[in-house]
Amino acid sequence: MSFSLSKIGADITEAVSAAEAVGDAIKVVYNSVAPLMDSAEKAYDGVTDAGGTKKAAVLASAKAVAEALGQDWKSIEAGASSLVDAIKGAYNVAKDIVDPAKSTTVASAAA
């Protein structure tokens, strides 16, 4: 099994770049994404094919955070969605490294 450290690095770089490009209130929203993802993972533990539902739940929660801070969700929604994708992508690659027998991603097989 081979994997790409550059893919993990690219996902992390994308997430960091997105977070650095915004103001403090929006950083709070972005910083809420990882814990929200963890909560969604726990809430849907054992549920198959729930990826879209989990992402929707995370984004709905992030929207609530943004609106509570007086932020325009539409202006940060794409960035938050990309952040979710980057975090999940990096997690999946790392998971595939640890347990390749349970691989769910095709990208992990690429060198």
PDB file of N, CA and C in Angstrom:
ATOM      1  N   MET A   1       0.847  -1.174   0.000  1.00  0.00           N
ATOM      2  CA  MET A   1       0.000   0.000   0.000  1.00  0.00           C
ATOM      3  C   MET A   1       0.887   1.230   0.000  1.00  0.00           C
ATOM      4  N   SER A   2       0.661   2.120  -0.938  1.00  0.00           N
ATOM      5  CA  SER A   2       1.391   3.376  -0.953  1.00  0.00           C
ATOM      6  C   SER A   2       0.402   4.515  -0.726  1.00  0.00           C
ATOM      7  N   PHE A   3       0.940   5.621  -0.263  1.00  0.00           N
ATOM      8  CA  PHE A   3       0.086   6.767   0.005  1.00  0.00           C
ATOM      9  C   PHE A   3       0.840   8.041  -0.332  1.00  0.00           C
ATOM     10  N   SER A   4       0.127   9.119  -0.367  1.00  0.00           N
ATOM     11  CA  SER A   4       0.721  10.384  -0.770  1.00  0.00           C
ATOM     12  C   SER A   4       0.761  11.368   0.392  1.00  0.00           C
ATOM     13  N   LEU A   5       1.959  11.607   0.893  1.00  0.00           N
ATOM     14  CA  LEU A   5       2.110  12.629   1.928  1.00  0.00           C
ATOM     15  C   LEU A   5       1.808  14.007   1.358  1.00  0.00           C
ATOM     16  N   SER A   6       2.052  14.174   0.069  1.00  0.00           N
ATOM     17  CA  SER A   6       1.760  15.475  -0.540  1.00  0.00           C
ATOM     18  C   SER A   6       0.259  15.767  -0.516  1.00  0.00           C
ATOM     19  N   LYS A   7      -0.585  14.743  -0.614  1.00  0.00           N
ATOM     20  CA  LYS A   7      -2.036  14.928  -0.539  1.00  0.00           C
ATOM     21  C   LYS A   7      -2.433  15.411   0.854  1.00  0.00           C
ATOM     22  N   ILE A   8      -1.864  14.805   1.882  1.00  0.00           N
ATOM     23  CA  ILE A   8      -2.152  15.243   3.247  1.00  0.00           C
ATOM     24  C   ILE A   8      -1.688  16.685   3.418  1.00  0.00           C
ATOM     25  N   GLY A   9      -0.481  16.977   2.952  1.00  0.00           N
ATOM     26  CA  GLY A   9       0.056  18.332   3.062  1.00  0.00           C
ATOM     27  C   GLY A   9      -0.796  19.345   2.324  1.00  0.00           C
ATOM     28  N   ALA A  10      -1.261  18.991   1.141  1.00  0.00           N
ATOM     29  CA  ALA A  10      -2.097  19.899   0.352  1.00  0.00           C
ATOM     30  C   ALA A  10      -3.422  20.172   1.056  1.00  0.00           C
ATOM     31  N   ASP A  11      -4.025  19.130   1.632  1.00  0.00           N
ATOM     32  CA  ASP A  11      -5.285  19.308   2.353  1.00  0.00           C
ATOM     33  C   ASP A  11      -5.105  20.217   3.565  1.00  0.00           C
ATOM     34  N   ILE A  12      -4.023  20.018   4.293  1.00  0.00           N
ATOM     35  CA  ILE A  12      -3.761  20.841   5.474  1.00  0.00           C
ATOM     36  C   ILE A  12      -3.469  22.282   5.058  1.00  0.00           C
ATOM     37  N   THR A  13      -2.655  22.454   4.024  1.00  0.00           N
ATOM     38  CA  THR A  13      -2.332  23.790   3.537  1.00  0.00           C
ATOM     39  C   THR A  13      -3.585  24.533   3.098  1.00  0.00           C
ATOM     40  N   GLU A  14      -4.486  23.835   2.412  1.00  0.00           N
ATOM     41  CA  GLU A  14      -5.737  24.453   1.969  1.00  0.00           C
ATOM     42  C   GLU A  14      -6.562  24.926   3.157  1.00  0.00           C
ATOM     43  N   ALA A  15      -6.643  24.101   4.184  1.00  0.00           N
ATOM     44  CA  ALA A  15      -7.421  24.462   5.368  1.00  0.00           C
ATOM     45  C   ALA A  15      -6.810  25.658   6.085  1.00  0.00           C
ATOM     46  N   VAL A  16      -5.501  25.657   6.234  1.00  0.00           N
ATOM     47  CA  VAL A  16      -4.822  26.755   6.918  1.00  0.00           C
ATOM     48  C   VAL A  16      -4.947  28.046   6.114  1.00  0.00           C
ATOM     49  N   SER A  17      -4.768  27.961   4.819  1.00  0.00           N
ATOM     50  CA  SER A  17      -4.875  29.151   3.967  1.00  0.00           C
ATOM     51  C   SER A  17      -6.266  29.763   4.049  1.00  0.00           C
ATOM     52  N   ALA A  18      -7.269  28.930   4.053  1.00  0.00           N
ATOM     53  CA  ALA A  18      -8.644  29.429   4.153  1.00  0.00           C
ATOM     54  C   ALA A  18      -8.855  30.150   5.478  1.00  0.00           C
ATOM     55  N   ALA A  19      -8.351  29.586   6.553  1.00  0.00           N
ATOM     56  CA  ALA A  19      -8.527  30.183   7.879  1.00  0.00           C
ATOM     57  C   ALA A  19      -7.753  31.492   8.015  1.00  0.00           C
ATOM     58  N   GLU A  20      -6.566  31.569   7.429  1.00  0.00           N
ATOM     59  CA  GLU A  20      -5.753  32.778   7.552  1.00  0.00           C
ATOM     60  C   GLU A  20      -6.302  33.945   6.743  1.00  0.00           C
ATOM     61  N   ALA A  21      -7.104  33.657   5.744  1.00  0.00           N
ATOM     62  CA  ALA A  21      -7.577  34.690   4.825  1.00  0.00           C
ATOM     63  C   ALA A  21      -8.797  35.450   5.334  1.00  0.00           C
ATOM     64  N   VAL A  22      -9.269  35.151   6.515  1.00  0.00           N
ATOM     65  CA  VAL A  22     -10.517  35.753   6.990  1.00  0.00           C
ATOM     66  C   VAL A  22     -10.327  36.487   8.315  1.00  0.00           C
ATOM     67  N   GLY A  23     -11.345  37.245   8.698  1.00  0.00           N
ATOM     68  CA  GLY A  23     -11.312  38.006   9.938  1.00  0.00           C
ATOM     69  C   GLY A  23     -11.539  37.140  11.166  1.00  0.00           C
ATOM     70  N   ASP A  24     -11.421  37.761  12.339  1.00  0.00           N
ATOM     71  CA  ASP A  24     -11.513  37.039  13.612  1.00  0.00           C
ATOM     72  C   ASP A  24     -12.831  36.306  13.819  1.00  0.00           C
ATOM     73  N   ALA A  25     -13.958  36.953  13.546  1.00  0.00           N
ATOM     74  CA  ALA A  25     -15.256  36.304  13.753  1.00  0.00           C
ATOM     75  C   ALA A  25     -15.401  35.093  12.840  1.00  0.00           C
ATOM     76  N   ILE A  26     -14.935  35.239  11.621  1.00  0.00           N
ATOM     77  CA  ILE A  26     -15.036  34.121  10.691  1.00  0.00           C
ATOM     78  C   ILE A  26     -14.080  32.998  11.111  1.00  0.00           C
ATOM     79  N   LYS A  27     -12.946  33.365  11.698  1.00  0.00           N
ATOM     80  CA  LYS A  27     -12.032  32.344  12.206  1.00  0.00           C
ATOM     81  C   LYS A  27     -12.723  31.505  13.287  1.00  0.00           C
ATOM     82  N   VAL A  28     -13.556  32.146  14.089  1.00  0.00           N
ATOM     83  CA  VAL A  28     -14.312  31.408  15.103  1.00  0.00           C
ATOM     84  C   VAL A  28     -15.201  30.378  14.418  1.00  0.00           C
ATOM     85  N   VAL A  29     -15.848  30.782  13.341  1.00  0.00           N
ATOM     86  CA  VAL A  29     -16.708  29.853  12.590  1.00  0.00           C
ATOM     87  C   VAL A  29     -15.857  28.710  12.056  1.00  0.00           C
ATOM     88  N   TYR A  30     -14.732  29.039  11.409  1.00  0.00           N
ATOM     89  CA  TYR A  30     -13.863  27.996  10.854  1.00  0.00           C
ATOM     90  C   TYR A  30     -13.312  27.092  11.951  1.00  0.00           C
ATOM     91  N   ASN A  31     -12.968  27.680  13.095  1.00  0.00           N
ATOM     92  CA  ASN A  31     -12.457  26.878  14.205  1.00  0.00           C
ATOM     93  C   ASN A  31     -13.518  25.960  14.793  1.00  0.00           C
ATOM     94  N   SER A  32     -14.775  26.272  14.563  1.00  0.00           N
ATOM     95  CA  SER A  32     -15.853  25.414  15.071  1.00  0.00           C
ATOM     96  C   SER A  32     -16.056  24.182  14.197  1.00  0.00           C
ATOM     97  N   VAL A  33     -15.541  24.210  12.968  1.00  0.00           N
ATOM     98  CA  VAL A  33     -15.814  23.129  12.015  1.00  0.00           C
ATOM     99  C   VAL A  33     -15.301  21.773  12.502  1.00  0.00           C
ATOM    100  N   ALA A  34     -14.051  21.692  12.949  1.00  0.00           N
ATOM    101  CA  ALA A  34     -13.499  20.393  13.367  1.00  0.00           C
ATOM    102  C   ALA A  34     -14.288  19.783  14.532  1.00  0.00           C
ATOM    103  N   PRO A  35     -14.577  20.541  15.600  1.00  0.00           N
ATOM    104  CA  PRO A  35     -15.390  19.955  16.667  1.00  0.00           C
ATOM    105  C   PRO A  35     -16.796  19.559  16.200  1.00  0.00           C
ATOM    106  N   LEU A  36     -17.360  20.357  15.282  1.00  0.00           N
ATOM    107  CA  LEU A  36     -18.675  20.002  14.743  1.00  0.00           C
ATOM    108  C   LEU A  36     -18.595  18.709  13.943  1.00  0.00           C
ATOM    109  N   MET A  37     -17.503  18.544  13.203  1.00  0.00           N
ATOM    110  CA  MET A  37     -17.316  17.295  12.448  1.00  0.00           C
ATOM    111  C   MET A  37     -17.204  16.108  13.405  1.00  0.00           C
ATOM    112  N   ASP A  38     -16.483  16.301  14.498  1.00  0.00           N
ATOM    113  CA  ASP A  38     -16.335  15.237  15.491  1.00  0.00           C
ATOM    114  C   ASP A  38     -17.700  14.873  16.075  1.00  0.00           C
ATOM    115  N   SER A  39     -18.498  15.869  16.376  1.00  0.00           N
ATOM    116  CA  SER A  39     -19.844  15.613  16.914  1.00  0.00           C
ATOM    117  C   SER A  39     -20.707  14.861  15.904  1.00  0.00           C
ATOM    118  N   ALA A  40     -20.619  15.259  14.641  1.00  0.00           N
ATOM    119  CA  ALA A  40     -21.409  14.581  13.604  1.00  0.00           C
ATOM    120  C   ALA A  40     -20.959  13.134  13.442  1.00  0.00           C
ATOM    121  N   GLU A  41     -19.645  12.913  13.486  1.00  0.00           N
ATOM    122  CA  GLU A  41     -19.133  11.538  13.389  1.00  0.00           C
ATOM    123  C   GLU A  41     -19.689  10.672  14.517  1.00  0.00           C
ATOM    124  N   LYS A  42     -19.695  11.217  15.716  1.00  0.00           N
ATOM    125  CA  LYS A  42     -20.207  10.471  16.871  1.00  0.00           C
ATOM    126  C   LYS A  42     -21.715  10.242  16.744  1.00  0.00           C
ATOM    127  N   ALA A  43     -22.436  11.250  16.287  1.00  0.00           N
ATOM    128  CA  ALA A  43     -23.895  11.136  16.173  1.00  0.00           C
ATOM    129  C   ALA A  43     -24.301  10.096  15.132  1.00  0.00           C
ATOM    130  N   TYR A  44     -23.503   9.941  14.101  1.00  0.00           N
ATOM    131  CA  TYR A  44     -23.825   8.999  13.022  1.00  0.00           C
ATOM    132  C   TYR A  44     -22.933   7.770  13.047  1.00  0.00           C
ATOM    133  N   ASP A  45     -22.338   7.478  14.188  1.00  0.00           N
ATOM    134  CA  ASP A  45     -21.471   6.306  14.324  1.00  0.00           C
ATOM    135  C   ASP A  45     -22.237   5.044  13.935  1.00  0.00           C
ATOM    136  N   GLY A  46     -21.668   4.292  13.024  1.00  0.00           N
ATOM    137  CA  GLY A  46     -22.279   3.044  12.593  1.00  0.00           C
ATOM    138  C   GLY A  46     -23.290   3.192  11.470  1.00  0.00           C
ATOM    139  N   VAL A  47     -23.631   4.408  11.101  1.00  0.00           N
ATOM    140  CA  VAL A  47     -24.588   4.641  10.021  1.00  0.00           C
ATOM    141  C   VAL A  47     -23.807   4.676   8.708  1.00  0.00           C
ATOM    142  N   THR A  48     -24.176   3.808   7.782  1.00  0.00           N
ATOM    143  CA  THR A  48     -23.469   3.763   6.503  1.00  0.00           C
ATOM    144  C   THR A  48     -24.017   4.829   5.541  1.00  0.00           C
ATOM    145  N   ASP A  49     -23.157   5.261   4.659  1.00  0.00           N
ATOM    146  CA  ASP A  49     -23.515   6.235   3.622  1.00  0.00           C
ATOM    147  C   ASP A  49     -24.142   7.505   4.188  1.00  0.00           C
ATOM    148  N   ALA A  50     -23.614   7.989   5.300  1.00  0.00           N
ATOM    149  CA  ALA A  50     -24.172   9.192   5.932  1.00  0.00           C
ATOM    150  C   ALA A  50     -23.278  10.413   5.715  1.00  0.00           C
ATOM    151  N   GLY A  51     -22.299  10.297   4.830  1.00  0.00           N
ATOM    152  CA  GLY A  51     -21.357  11.398   4.623  1.00  0.00           C
ATOM    153  C   GLY A  51     -22.028  12.711   4.266  1.00  0.00           C
ATOM    154  N   GLY A  52     -22.959  12.676   3.334  1.00  0.00           N
ATOM    155  CA  GLY A  52     -23.658  13.893   2.930  1.00  0.00           C
ATOM    156  C   GLY A  52     -24.489  14.482   4.050  1.00  0.00           C
ATOM    157  N   THR A  53     -25.115  13.611   4.816  1.00  0.00           N
ATOM    158  CA  THR A  53     -25.928  14.059   5.943  1.00  0.00           C
ATOM    159  C   THR A  53     -25.048  14.681   7.021  1.00  0.00           C
ATOM    160  N   LYS A  54     -23.908  14.055   7.280  1.00  0.00           N
ATOM    161  CA  LYS A  54     -22.989  14.598   8.286  1.00  0.00           C
ATOM    162  C   LYS A  54     -22.470  15.966   7.853  1.00  0.00           C
ATOM    163  N   LYS A  55     -22.085  16.082   6.575  1.00  0.00           N
ATOM    164  CA  LYS A  55     -21.575  17.368   6.097  1.00  0.00           C
ATOM    165  C   LYS A  55     -22.667  18.434   6.191  1.00  0.00           C
ATOM    166  N   ALA A  56     -23.881  18.082   5.822  1.00  0.00           N
ATOM    167  CA  ALA A  56     -24.990  19.037   5.913  1.00  0.00           C
ATOM    168  C   ALA A  56     -25.208  19.487   7.361  1.00  0.00           C
ATOM    169  N   ALA A  57     -25.100  18.557   8.294  1.00  0.00           N
ATOM    170  CA  ALA A  57     -25.273  18.892   9.713  1.00  0.00           C
ATOM    171  C   ALA A  57     -24.160  19.821  10.189  1.00  0.00           C
ATOM    172  N   VAL A  58     -22.931  19.540   9.770  1.00  0.00           N
ATOM    173  CA  VAL A  58     -21.792  20.386  10.146  1.00  0.00           C
ATOM    174  C   VAL A  58     -21.974  21.794   9.581  1.00  0.00           C
ATOM    175  N   LEU A  59     -22.341  21.882   8.312  1.00  0.00           N
ATOM    176  CA  LEU A  59     -22.509  23.197   7.695  1.00  0.00           C
ATOM    177  C   LEU A  59     -23.687  23.958   8.291  1.00  0.00           C
ATOM    178  N   ALA A  60     -24.768  23.259   8.626  1.00  0.00           N
ATOM    179  CA  ALA A  60     -25.904  23.924   9.270  1.00  0.00           C
ATOM    180  C   ALA A  60     -25.498  24.473  10.639  1.00  0.00           C
ATOM    181  N   SER A  61     -24.702  23.710  11.358  1.00  0.00           N
ATOM    182  CA  SER A  61     -24.223  24.169  12.669  1.00  0.00           C
ATOM    183  C   SER A  61     -23.249  25.333  12.520  1.00  0.00           C
ATOM    184  N   ALA A  62     -22.362  25.250  11.529  1.00  0.00           N
ATOM    185  CA  ALA A  62     -21.420  26.342  11.286  1.00  0.00           C
ATOM    186  C   ALA A  62     -22.174  27.611  10.883  1.00  0.00           C
ATOM    187  N   LYS A  63     -23.241  27.440  10.113  1.00  0.00           N
ATOM    188  CA  LYS A  63     -24.080  28.578   9.729  1.00  0.00           C
ATOM    189  C   LYS A  63     -24.680  29.233  10.968  1.00  0.00           C
ATOM    190  N   ALA A  64     -25.155  28.417  11.897  1.00  0.00           N
ATOM    191  CA  ALA A  64     -25.730  28.952  13.132  1.00  0.00           C
ATOM    192  C   ALA A  64     -24.683  29.737  13.919  1.00  0.00           C
ATOM    193  N   VAL A  65     -23.463  29.218  13.962  1.00  0.00           N
ATOM    194  CA  VAL A  65     -22.369  29.935  14.641  1.00  0.00           C
ATOM    195  C   VAL A  65     -22.128  31.270  13.941  1.00  0.00           C
ATOM    196  N   ALA A  66     -22.023  31.230  12.605  1.00  0.00           N
ATOM    197  CA  ALA A  66     -21.763  32.447  11.826  1.00  0.00           C
ATOM    198  C   ALA A  66     -22.850  33.488  12.064  1.00  0.00           C
ATOM    199  N   GLU A  67     -24.093  33.066  12.007  1.00  0.00           N
ATOM    200  CA  GLU A  67     -25.196  34.004  12.177  1.00  0.00           C
ATOM    201  C   GLU A  67     -25.245  34.564  13.601  1.00  0.00           C
ATOM    202  N   ALA A  68     -24.887  33.726  14.587  1.00  0.00           N
ATOM    203  CA  ALA A  68     -24.850  34.203  15.969  1.00  0.00           C
ATOM    204  C   ALA A  68     -23.774  35.273  16.156  1.00  0.00           C
ATOM    205  N   LEU A  69     -22.739  35.213  15.318  1.00  0.00           N
ATOM    206  CA  LEU A  69     -21.659  36.201  15.375  1.00  0.00           C
ATOM    207  C   LEU A  69     -21.892  37.368  14.420  1.00  0.00           C
ATOM    208  N   GLY A  70     -23.075  37.384  13.783  1.00  0.00           N
ATOM    209  CA  GLY A  70     -23.411  38.477  12.885  1.00  0.00           C
ATOM    210  C   GLY A  70     -22.715  38.421  11.535  1.00  0.00           C
ATOM    211  N   GLN A  71     -22.283  37.236  11.126  1.00  0.00           N
ATOM    212  CA  GLN A  71     -21.584  37.077   9.853  1.00  0.00           C
ATOM    213  C   GLN A  71     -22.552  36.676   8.745  1.00  0.00           C
ATOM    214  N   ASP A  72     -22.234  37.100   7.527  1.00  0.00           N
ATOM    215  CA  ASP A  72     -23.030  36.737   6.357  1.00  0.00           C
ATOM    216  C   ASP A  72     -22.612  35.333   5.909  1.00  0.00           C
ATOM    217  N   TRP A  73     -23.456  34.350   6.170  1.00  0.00           N
ATOM    218  CA  TRP A  73     -23.132  32.955   5.861  1.00  0.00           C
ATOM    219  C   TRP A  73     -22.808  32.760   4.388  1.00  0.00           C
ATOM    220  N   LYS A  74     -23.547  33.388   3.522  1.00  0.00           N
ATOM    221  CA  LYS A  74     -23.331  33.202   2.075  1.00  0.00           C
ATOM    222  C   LYS A  74     -21.905  33.564   1.674  1.00  0.00           C
ATOM    223  N   SER A  75     -21.293  34.516   2.368  1.00  0.00           N
ATOM    224  CA  SER A  75     -19.943  34.940   2.007  1.00  0.00           C
ATOM    225  C   SER A  75     -18.869  33.975   2.500  1.00  0.00           C
ATOM    226  N   ILE A  76     -19.215  33.112   3.439  1.00  0.00           N
ATOM    227  CA  ILE A  76     -18.207  32.172   3.956  1.00  0.00           C
ATOM    228  C   ILE A  76     -18.592  30.709   3.757  1.00  0.00           C
ATOM    229  N   GLU A  77     -19.763  30.464   3.225  1.00  0.00           N
ATOM    230  CA  GLU A  77     -20.240  29.087   3.068  1.00  0.00           C
ATOM    231  C   GLU A  77     -19.290  28.234   2.226  1.00  0.00           C
ATOM    232  N   ALA A  78     -18.847  28.760   1.089  1.00  0.00           N
ATOM    233  CA  ALA A  78     -17.958  27.981   0.214  1.00  0.00           C
ATOM    234  C   ALA A  78     -16.648  27.651   0.920  1.00  0.00           C
ATOM    235  N   GLY A  79     -16.110  28.612   1.658  1.00  0.00           N
ATOM    236  CA  GLY A  79     -14.875  28.370   2.396  1.00  0.00           C
ATOM    237  C   GLY A  79     -15.054  27.329   3.483  1.00  0.00           C
ATOM    238  N   ALA A  80     -16.184  27.404   4.185  1.00  0.00           N
ATOM    239  CA  ALA A  80     -16.461  26.416   5.233  1.00  0.00           C
ATOM    240  C   ALA A  80     -16.634  25.023   4.629  1.00  0.00           C
ATOM    241  N   SER A  81     -17.308  24.948   3.508  1.00  0.00           N
ATOM    242  CA  SER A  81     -17.504  23.665   2.832  1.00  0.00           C
ATOM    243  C   SER A  81     -16.163  23.081   2.381  1.00  0.00           C
ATOM    244  N   SER A  82     -15.302  23.935   1.832  1.00  0.00           N
ATOM    245  CA  SER A  82     -13.971  23.486   1.416  1.00  0.00           C
ATOM    246  C   SER A  82     -13.148  23.021   2.608  1.00  0.00           C
ATOM    247  N   LEU A  83     -13.298  23.713   3.723  1.00  0.00           N
ATOM    248  CA  LEU A  83     -12.579  23.328   4.934  1.00  0.00           C
ATOM    249  C   LEU A  83     -13.018  21.938   5.401  1.00  0.00           C
ATOM    250  N   VAL A  84     -14.323  21.683   5.395  1.00  0.00           N
ATOM    251  CA  VAL A  84     -14.840  20.358   5.761  1.00  0.00           C
ATOM    252  C   VAL A  84     -14.239  19.298   4.834  1.00  0.00           C
ATOM    253  N   ASP A  85     -14.244  19.578   3.541  1.00  0.00           N
ATOM    254  CA  ASP A  85     -13.703  18.615   2.576  1.00  0.00           C
ATOM    255  C   ASP A  85     -12.212  18.368   2.802  1.00  0.00           C
ATOM    256  N   ALA A  86     -11.455  19.437   3.091  1.00  0.00           N
ATOM    257  CA  ALA A  86     -10.013  19.301   3.311  1.00  0.00           C
ATOM    258  C   ALA A  86      -9.724  18.485   4.569  1.00  0.00           C
ATOM    259  N   ILE A  87     -10.447  18.780   5.638  1.00  0.00           N
ATOM    260  CA  ILE A  87     -10.239  18.036   6.891  1.00  0.00           C
ATOM    261  C   ILE A  87     -10.589  16.567   6.694  1.00  0.00           C
ATOM    262  N   LYS A  88     -11.723  16.310   6.079  1.00  0.00           N
ATOM    263  CA  LYS A  88     -12.161  14.926   5.865  1.00  0.00           C
ATOM    264  C   LYS A  88     -11.206  14.199   4.927  1.00  0.00           C
ATOM    265  N   GLY A  89     -10.726  14.888   3.893  1.00  0.00           N
ATOM    266  CA  GLY A  89      -9.777  14.274   2.969  1.00  0.00           C
ATOM    267  C   GLY A  89      -8.486  13.876   3.668  1.00  0.00           C
ATOM    268  N   ALA A  90      -7.957  14.776   4.481  1.00  0.00           N
ATOM    269  CA  ALA A  90      -6.729  14.472   5.220  1.00  0.00           C
ATOM    270  C   ALA A  90      -6.966  13.326   6.207  1.00  0.00           C
ATOM    271  N   TYR A  91      -8.102  13.346   6.879  1.00  0.00           N
ATOM    272  CA  TYR A  91      -8.437  12.274   7.821  1.00  0.00           C
ATOM    273  C   TYR A  91      -8.522  10.920   7.112  1.00  0.00           C
ATOM    274  N   ASN A  92      -9.187  10.896   5.959  1.00  0.00           N
ATOM    275  CA  ASN A  92      -9.341   9.628   5.235  1.00  0.00           C
ATOM    276  C   ASN A  92      -7.999   9.075   4.773  1.00  0.00           C
ATOM    277  N   VAL A  93      -7.114   9.939   4.314  1.00  0.00           N
ATOM    278  CA  VAL A  93      -5.789   9.476   3.892  1.00  0.00           C
ATOM    279  C   VAL A  93      -5.033   8.913   5.083  1.00  0.00           C
ATOM    280  N   ALA A  94      -5.071   9.621   6.212  1.00  0.00           N
ATOM    281  CA  ALA A  94      -4.385   9.145   7.418  1.00  0.00           C
ATOM    282  C   ALA A  94      -4.980   7.823   7.899  1.00  0.00           C
ATOM    283  N   LYS A  95      -6.301   7.712   7.853  1.00  0.00           N
ATOM    284  CA  LYS A  95      -6.973   6.474   8.273  1.00  0.00           C
ATOM    285  C   LYS A  95      -6.560   5.308   7.381  1.00  0.00           C
ATOM    286  N   ASP A  96      -6.447   5.575   6.091  1.00  0.00           N
ATOM    287  CA  ASP A  96      -6.046   4.525   5.153  1.00  0.00           C
ATOM    288  C   ASP A  96      -4.617   4.059   5.402  1.00  0.00           C
ATOM    289  N   ILE A  97      -3.770   4.956   5.867  1.00  0.00           N
ATOM    290  CA  ILE A  97      -2.394   4.593   6.188  1.00  0.00           C
ATOM    291  C   ILE A  97      -2.375   3.654   7.387  1.00  0.00           C
ATOM    292  N   VAL A  98      -3.182   3.983   8.377  1.00  0.00           N
ATOM    293  CA  VAL A  98      -3.228   3.188   9.609  1.00  0.00           C
ATOM    294  C   VAL A  98      -3.881   1.839   9.381  1.00  0.00           C
ATOM    295  N   ASP A  99      -4.952   1.798   8.588  1.00  0.00           N
ATOM    296  CA  ASP A  99      -5.682   0.555   8.369  1.00  0.00           C
ATOM    297  C   ASP A  99      -6.088   0.421   6.899  1.00  0.00           C
ATOM    298  N   PRO A 100      -5.124   0.079   6.034  1.00  0.00           N
ATOM    299  CA  PRO A 100      -5.415   0.014   4.597  1.00  0.00           C
ATOM    300  C   PRO A 100      -6.469  -1.028   4.224  1.00  0.00           C
ATOM    301  N   ALA A 101      -6.671  -2.022   5.058  1.00  0.00           N
ATOM    302  CA  ALA A 101      -7.670  -3.050   4.754  1.00  0.00           C
ATOM    303  C   ALA A 101      -9.085  -2.481   4.769  1.00  0.00           C
ATOM    304  N   LYS A 102      -9.285  -1.397   5.489  1.00  0.00           N
ATOM    305  CA  LYS A 102     -10.605  -0.765   5.572  1.00  0.00           C
ATOM    306  C   LYS A 102     -10.690   0.485   4.723  1.00  0.00           C
ATOM    307  N   SER A 103      -9.809   0.612   3.750  1.00  0.00           N
ATOM    308  CA  SER A 103      -9.754   1.808   2.926  1.00  0.00           C
ATOM    309  C   SER A 103     -11.095   2.079   2.242  1.00  0.00           C
ATOM    310  N   THR A 104     -11.493   3.345   2.289  1.00  0.00           N
ATOM    311  CA  THR A 104     -12.717   3.766   1.621  1.00  0.00           C
ATOM    312  C   THR A 104     -12.425   4.791   0.530  1.00  0.00           C
ATOM    313  N   THR A 105     -11.152   5.097   0.342  1.00  0.00           N
ATOM    314  CA  THR A 105     -10.792   6.097  -0.654  1.00  0.00           C
ATOM    315  C   THR A 105      -9.899   5.497  -1.720  1.00  0.00           C
ATOM    316  N   VAL A 106     -10.127   5.917  -2.923  1.00  0.00           N
ATOM    317  CA  VAL A 106      -9.296   5.482  -4.040  1.00  0.00           C
ATOM    318  C   VAL A 106      -7.982   6.240  -4.034  1.00  0.00           C
ATOM    319  N   ALA A 107      -8.016   7.500  -3.596  1.00  0.00           N
ATOM    320  CA  ALA A 107      -6.826   8.352  -3.608  1.00  0.00           C
ATOM    321  C   ALA A 107      -5.706   7.780  -2.761  1.00  0.00           C
ATOM    322  N   SER A 108      -6.047   7.023  -1.732  1.00  0.00           N
ATOM    323  CA  SER A 108      -5.013   6.489  -0.859  1.00  0.00           C
ATOM    324  C   SER A 108      -4.143   5.461  -1.571  1.00  0.00           C
ATOM    325  N   ALA A 109      -4.632   4.889  -2.634  1.00  0.00           N
ATOM    326  CA  ALA A 109      -3.858   3.884  -3.360  1.00  0.00           C
ATOM    327  C   ALA A 109      -2.865   4.519  -4.325  1.00  0.00           C
ATOM    328  N   ALA A 110      -3.045   5.818  -4.598  1.00  0.00           N
ATOM    329  CA  ALA A 110      -2.135   6.500  -5.521  1.00  0.00           C
ATOM    330  C   ALA A 110      -0.841   6.855  -4.834  1.00  0.00           C
ATOM    331  N   ALA A 111       0.219   6.815  -5.598  1.00  0.00           N
ATOM    332  CA  ALA A 111       1.520   7.160  -5.021  1.00  0.00           C
ATOM    333  C   ALA A 111       1.726   8.651  -5.003  1.00  0.00           C
TER     334      ALA A 111
END
